Amino acid sequence: MAVSVVGGLTVSTILTLVFIPTLYMIVEQRVKKSKV
């Protein structure tokens, strides 16, 4: 059970560190394009 908890925390942390900045960059680029 502890292994699955630690694994889940690790995966969610990595996804958060990678996915959120990527999503932010995509949204920011779309906002810049729509302003032009």
PDB file of N, CA and C in Angstrom:
ATOM      1  N   MET A   1       0.830  -1.204   0.000  1.00  0.00           N
ATOM      2  CA  MET A   1       0.000   0.000   0.000  1.00  0.00           C
ATOM      3  C   MET A   1       0.869   1.261   0.000  1.00  0.00           C
ATOM      4  N   ALA A   2       1.920   1.248   0.802  1.00  0.00           N
ATOM      5  CA  ALA A   2       2.785   2.431   0.859  1.00  0.00           C
ATOM      6  C   ALA A   2       3.425   2.703  -0.497  1.00  0.00           C
ATOM      7  N   VAL A   3       3.767   1.630  -1.214  1.00  0.00           N
ATOM      8  CA  VAL A   3       4.395   1.807  -2.527  1.00  0.00           C
ATOM      9  C   VAL A   3       3.441   2.524  -3.472  1.00  0.00           C
ATOM     10  N   SER A   4       2.172   2.140  -3.462  1.00  0.00           N
ATOM     11  CA  SER A   4       1.212   2.777  -4.367  1.00  0.00           C
ATOM     12  C   SER A   4       0.981   4.234  -3.984  1.00  0.00           C
ATOM     13  N   VAL A   5       0.997   4.536  -2.697  1.00  0.00           N
ATOM     14  CA  VAL A   5       0.818   5.924  -2.254  1.00  0.00           C
ATOM     15  C   VAL A   5       2.006   6.769  -2.701  1.00  0.00           C
ATOM     16  N   VAL A   6       3.217   6.271  -2.454  1.00  0.00           N
ATOM     17  CA  VAL A   6       4.421   7.015  -2.849  1.00  0.00           C
ATOM     18  C   VAL A   6       4.475   7.150  -4.367  1.00  0.00           C
ATOM     19  N   GLY A   7       4.145   6.090  -5.078  1.00  0.00           N
ATOM     20  CA  GLY A   7       4.141   6.147  -6.542  1.00  0.00           C
ATOM     21  C   GLY A   7       3.139   7.171  -7.053  1.00  0.00           C
ATOM     22  N   GLY A   8       1.957   7.191  -6.470  1.00  0.00           N
ATOM     23  CA  GLY A   8       0.943   8.153  -6.890  1.00  0.00           C
ATOM     24  C   GLY A   8       1.381   9.586  -6.632  1.00  0.00           C
ATOM     25  N   LEU A   9       1.973   9.821  -5.468  1.00  0.00           N
ATOM     26  CA  LEU A   9       2.462  11.166  -5.157  1.00  0.00           C
ATOM     27  C   LEU A   9       3.562  11.585  -6.131  1.00  0.00           C
ATOM     28  N   THR A  10       4.459  10.649  -6.442  1.00  0.00           N
ATOM     29  CA  THR A  10       5.555  10.959  -7.360  1.00  0.00           C
ATOM     30  C   THR A  10       5.020  11.309  -8.743  1.00  0.00           C
ATOM     31  N   VAL A  11       4.112  10.486  -9.243  1.00  0.00           N
ATOM     32  CA  VAL A  11       3.558  10.723 -10.581  1.00  0.00           C
ATOM     33  C   VAL A  11       2.795  12.041 -10.620  1.00  0.00           C
ATOM     34  N   SER A  12       1.986  12.305  -9.607  1.00  0.00           N
ATOM     35  CA  SER A  12       1.204  13.545  -9.605  1.00  0.00           C
ATOM     36  C   SER A  12       2.117  14.763  -9.505  1.00  0.00           C
ATOM     37  N   THR A  13       3.211  14.653  -8.744  1.00  0.00           N
ATOM     38  CA  THR A  13       4.149  15.766  -8.635  1.00  0.00           C
ATOM     39  C   THR A  13       4.818  16.035  -9.976  1.00  0.00           C
ATOM     40  N   ILE A  14       5.277  14.981 -10.643  1.00  0.00           N
ATOM     41  CA  ILE A  14       5.928  15.146 -11.945  1.00  0.00           C
ATOM     42  C   ILE A  14       4.948  15.728 -12.952  1.00  0.00           C
ATOM     43  N   LEU A  15       3.714  15.204 -12.975  1.00  0.00           N
ATOM     44  CA  LEU A  15       2.714  15.728 -13.903  1.00  0.00           C
ATOM     45  C   LEU A  15       2.441  17.201 -13.624  1.00  0.00           C
ATOM     46  N   THR A  16       2.379  17.571 -12.357  1.00  0.00           N
ATOM     47  CA  THR A  16       2.124  18.968 -12.005  1.00  0.00           C
ATOM     48  C   THR A  16       3.271  19.855 -12.472  1.00  0.00           C
ATOM     49  N   LEU A  17       4.506  19.414 -12.248  1.00  0.00           N
ATOM     50  CA  LEU A  17       5.666  20.225 -12.619  1.00  0.00           C
ATOM     51  C   LEU A  17       5.802  20.360 -14.131  1.00  0.00           C
ATOM     52  N   VAL A  18       5.322  19.370 -14.888  1.00  0.00           N
ATOM     53  CA  VAL A  18       5.467  19.396 -16.347  1.00  0.00           C
ATOM     54  C   VAL A  18       4.216  19.955 -17.007  1.00  0.00           C
ATOM     55  N   PHE A  19       3.042  19.491 -16.561  1.00  0.00           N
ATOM     56  CA  PHE A  19       1.792  19.781 -17.267  1.00  0.00           C
ATOM     57  C   PHE A  19       1.340  21.219 -17.073  1.00  0.00           C
ATOM     58  N   ILE A  20       1.426  21.734 -15.858  1.00  0.00           N
ATOM     59  CA  ILE A  20       0.927  23.085 -15.588  1.00  0.00           C
ATOM     60  C   ILE A  20       1.746  24.157 -16.322  1.00  0.00           C
ATOM     61  N   PRO A  21       3.090  24.124 -16.284  1.00  0.00           N
ATOM     62  CA  PRO A  21       3.842  25.120 -17.065  1.00  0.00           C
ATOM     63  C   PRO A  21       3.570  25.011 -18.560  1.00  0.00           C
ATOM     64  N   THR A  22       3.419  23.782 -19.067  1.00  0.00           N
ATOM     65  CA  THR A  22       3.127  23.597 -20.488  1.00  0.00           C
ATOM     66  C   THR A  22       1.773  24.194 -20.829  1.00  0.00           C
ATOM     67  N   LEU A  23       0.776  23.906 -20.004  1.00  0.00           N
ATOM     68  CA  LEU A  23      -0.565  24.450 -20.225  1.00  0.00           C
ATOM     69  C   LEU A  23      -0.533  25.977 -20.163  1.00  0.00           C
ATOM     70  N   TYR A  24       0.216  26.522 -19.223  1.00  0.00           N
ATOM     71  CA  TYR A  24       0.322  27.975 -19.080  1.00  0.00           C
ATOM     72  C   TYR A  24       0.950  28.595 -20.326  1.00  0.00           C
ATOM     73  N   MET A  25       1.998  27.962 -20.855  1.00  0.00           N
ATOM     74  CA  MET A  25       2.649  28.475 -22.062  1.00  0.00           C
ATOM     75  C   MET A  25       1.689  28.466 -23.243  1.00  0.00           C
ATOM     76  N   ILE A  26       0.923  27.382 -23.383  1.00  0.00           N
ATOM     77  CA  ILE A  26      -0.021  27.273 -24.502  1.00  0.00           C
ATOM     78  C   ILE A  26      -1.084  28.361 -24.400  1.00  0.00           C
ATOM     79  N   VAL A  27      -1.631  28.546 -23.207  1.00  0.00           N
ATOM     80  CA  VAL A  27      -2.663  29.577 -23.013  1.00  0.00           C
ATOM     81  C   VAL A  27      -2.084  30.957 -23.292  1.00  0.00           C
ATOM     82  N   GLU A  28      -0.875  31.210 -22.815  1.00  0.00           N
ATOM     83  CA  GLU A  28      -0.251  32.518 -23.008  1.00  0.00           C
ATOM     84  C   GLU A  28      -0.025  32.796 -24.495  1.00  0.00           C
ATOM     85  N   GLN A  29       0.411  31.779 -25.250  1.00  0.00           N
ATOM     86  CA  GLN A  29       0.624  31.961 -26.682  1.00  0.00           C
ATOM     87  C   GLN A  29      -0.693  32.253 -27.392  1.00  0.00           C
ATOM     88  N   ARG A  30      -1.764  31.577 -26.994  1.00  0.00           N
ATOM     89  CA  ARG A  30      -3.064  31.818 -27.629  1.00  0.00           C
ATOM     90  C   ARG A  30      -3.560  33.223 -27.330  1.00  0.00           C
ATOM     91  N   VAL A  31      -3.321  33.707 -26.116  1.00  0.00           N
ATOM     92  CA  VAL A  31      -3.744  35.064 -25.764  1.00  0.00           C
ATOM     93  C   VAL A  31      -2.964  36.080 -26.594  1.00  0.00           C
ATOM     94  N   LYS A  32      -1.667  35.858 -26.761  1.00  0.00           N
ATOM     95  CA  LYS A  32      -0.859  36.778 -27.555  1.00  0.00           C
ATOM     96  C   LYS A  32      -1.318  36.782 -29.011  1.00  0.00           C
ATOM     97  N   LYS A  33      -1.640  35.595 -29.566  1.00  0.00           N
ATOM     98  CA  LYS A  33      -2.087  35.521 -30.957  1.00  0.00           C
ATOM     99  C   LYS A  33      -3.425  36.222 -31.136  1.00  0.00           C
ATOM    100  N   SER A  34      -4.320  36.083 -30.175  1.00  0.00           N
ATOM    101  CA  SER A  34      -5.646  36.683 -30.314  1.00  0.00           C
ATOM    102  C   SER A  34      -5.584  38.208 -30.199  1.00  0.00           C
ATOM    103  N   LYS A  35      -4.576  38.731 -29.506  1.00  0.00           N
ATOM    104  CA  LYS A  35      -4.437  40.182 -29.377  1.00  0.00           C
ATOM    105  C   LYS A  35      -3.906  40.801 -30.662  1.00  0.00           C
ATOM    106  N   VAL A  36      -3.156  40.042 -31.447  1.00  0.00           N
ATOM    107  CA  VAL A  36      -2.527  40.585 -32.657  1.00  0.00           C
ATOM    108  C   VAL A  36      -3.544  40.752 -33.762  1.00  0.00           C
TER     109      VAL A  36
END
